[in-house]
Amino acid sequence: MRYAFQTKDRLQEFIQMEIITTAEATTLLSCSRQYLDELVNKGKLIPVKSVNRVRLYWKDDILALNKK
């Protein structure tokens, strides 16, 4: 996918709506951080970005896992 944003505000709005943190993901999935890490290690979930212990995820990927 390719995205183009006309303004910084539009980009920030997109990020706030579509990207979530590990804490938000664990809340949506009602699971522990350890389980989320396990999903990542098994390749069932791929973070958008990882820096140290901070991971960001696509909200749609988390919602799709929640439906399974």
C-alpha atoms as a PDB file:
ATOM      1  CA  MET A   1       0.000   0.000   0.000  1.00  0.00           C
ATOM      2  CA  ARG A   2       1.062   3.510  -0.626  1.00  0.00           C
ATOM      3  CA  TYR A   3      -0.216   6.451   1.359  1.00  0.00           C
ATOM      4  CA  ALA A   4       0.105  10.153   0.676  1.00  0.00           C
ATOM      5  CA  PHE A   5      -0.729  12.791   3.234  1.00  0.00           C
ATOM      6  CA  GLN A   6      -1.255  16.426   2.364  1.00  0.00           C
ATOM      7  CA  THR A   7      -0.503  17.707   5.838  1.00  0.00           C
ATOM      8  CA  LYS A   8       1.257  16.642   8.998  1.00  0.00           C
ATOM      9  CA  ASP A   9      -2.103  16.752  10.785  1.00  0.00           C
ATOM     10  CA  ARG A  10      -3.542  14.186   8.366  1.00  0.00           C
ATOM     11  CA  LEU A  11      -0.565  11.922   8.984  1.00  0.00           C
ATOM     12  CA  GLN A  12      -0.961  12.229  12.753  1.00  0.00           C
ATOM     13  CA  GLU A  13      -4.670  11.468  12.476  1.00  0.00           C
ATOM     14  CA  PHE A  14      -3.921   8.370  10.386  1.00  0.00           C
ATOM     15  CA  ILE A  15      -1.335   7.117  12.886  1.00  0.00           C
ATOM     16  CA  GLN A  16      -3.683   7.666  15.826  1.00  0.00           C
ATOM     17  CA  MET A  17      -6.473   5.734  14.088  1.00  0.00           C
ATOM     18  CA  GLU A  18      -4.500   2.883  12.492  1.00  0.00           C
ATOM     19  CA  ILE A  19      -1.415   2.189  14.634  1.00  0.00           C
ATOM     20  CA  ILE A  20      -1.584   0.863  18.186  1.00  0.00           C
ATOM     21  CA  THR A  21       0.873   0.114  20.969  1.00  0.00           C
ATOM     22  CA  THR A  22       1.502  -3.173  22.714  1.00  0.00           C
ATOM     23  CA  ALA A  23      -0.598  -2.023  25.675  1.00  0.00           C
ATOM     24  CA  GLU A  24      -3.537  -1.188  23.398  1.00  0.00           C
ATOM     25  CA  ALA A  25      -3.142  -4.507  21.561  1.00  0.00           C
ATOM     26  CA  THR A  26      -3.173  -6.514  24.789  1.00  0.00           C
ATOM     27  CA  THR A  27      -6.326  -4.689  25.858  1.00  0.00           C
ATOM     28  CA  LEU A  28      -8.100  -5.369  22.543  1.00  0.00           C
ATOM     29  CA  LEU A  29      -7.083  -9.036  22.600  1.00  0.00           C
ATOM     30  CA  SER A  30      -7.573  -9.458  26.353  1.00  0.00           C
ATOM     31  CA  CYS A  31      -4.186 -11.148  26.553  1.00  0.00           C
ATOM     32  CA  SER A  32      -0.826 -10.693  28.212  1.00  0.00           C
ATOM     33  CA  ARG A  33       2.226  -8.994  26.762  1.00  0.00           C
ATOM     34  CA  GLN A  34       3.976 -12.368  26.860  1.00  0.00           C
ATOM     35  CA  TYR A  35       1.305 -13.918  24.628  1.00  0.00           C
ATOM     36  CA  LEU A  36       1.628 -11.035  22.180  1.00  0.00           C
ATOM     37  CA  ASP A  37       5.401 -11.557  22.129  1.00  0.00           C
ATOM     38  CA  GLU A  38       4.788 -15.247  21.447  1.00  0.00           C
ATOM     39  CA  LEU A  39       2.590 -14.383  18.449  1.00  0.00           C
ATOM     40  CA  VAL A  40       5.364 -12.156  17.108  1.00  0.00           C
ATOM     41  CA  ASN A  41       8.033 -14.829  17.661  1.00  0.00           C
ATOM     42  CA  LYS A  42       5.908 -17.412  15.822  1.00  0.00           C
ATOM     43  CA  GLY A  43       5.369 -15.011  12.909  1.00  0.00           C
ATOM     44  CA  LYS A  44       1.611 -14.800  13.428  1.00  0.00           C
ATOM     45  CA  LEU A  45       1.832 -11.062  14.073  1.00  0.00           C
ATOM     46  CA  ILE A  46       4.292  -8.645  12.551  1.00  0.00           C
ATOM     47  CA  PRO A  47       4.911  -5.304  14.246  1.00  0.00           C
ATOM     48  CA  VAL A  48       4.969  -2.146  12.137  1.00  0.00           C
ATOM     49  CA  LYS A  49       8.011  -1.025  14.092  1.00  0.00           C
ATOM     50  CA  SER A  50      10.080  -2.310  17.000  1.00  0.00           C
ATOM     51  CA  VAL A  51      12.437  -0.177  19.075  1.00  0.00           C
ATOM     52  CA  ASN A  52      13.887  -1.803  22.181  1.00  0.00           C
ATOM     53  CA  ARG A  53      10.828  -3.155  23.996  1.00  0.00           C
ATOM     54  CA  VAL A  54       8.345  -0.875  22.243  1.00  0.00           C
ATOM     55  CA  ARG A  55       6.359  -2.355  19.371  1.00  0.00           C
ATOM     56  CA  LEU A  56       3.719  -0.766  17.185  1.00  0.00           C
ATOM     57  CA  TYR A  57       1.059  -2.765  15.339  1.00  0.00           C
ATOM     58  CA  TRP A  58      -1.536  -2.228  12.636  1.00  0.00           C
ATOM     59  CA  LYS A  59      -4.894  -1.999  14.388  1.00  0.00           C
ATOM     60  CA  ASP A  60      -6.497  -4.108  11.624  1.00  0.00           C
ATOM     61  CA  ASP A  61      -4.017  -6.950  12.271  1.00  0.00           C
ATOM     62  CA  ILE A  62      -4.952  -7.001  15.955  1.00  0.00           C
ATOM     63  CA  LEU A  63      -8.681  -6.886  15.190  1.00  0.00           C
ATOM     64  CA  ALA A  64      -8.250  -9.772  12.730  1.00  0.00           C
ATOM     65  CA  LEU A  65      -6.543 -11.836  15.448  1.00  0.00           C
ATOM     66  CA  ASN A  66      -9.394 -10.993  17.798  1.00  0.00           C
ATOM     67  CA  LYS A  67     -11.909 -12.539  15.367  1.00  0.00           C
ATOM     68  CA  LYS A  68     -10.051 -15.886  15.298  1.00  0.00           C
END
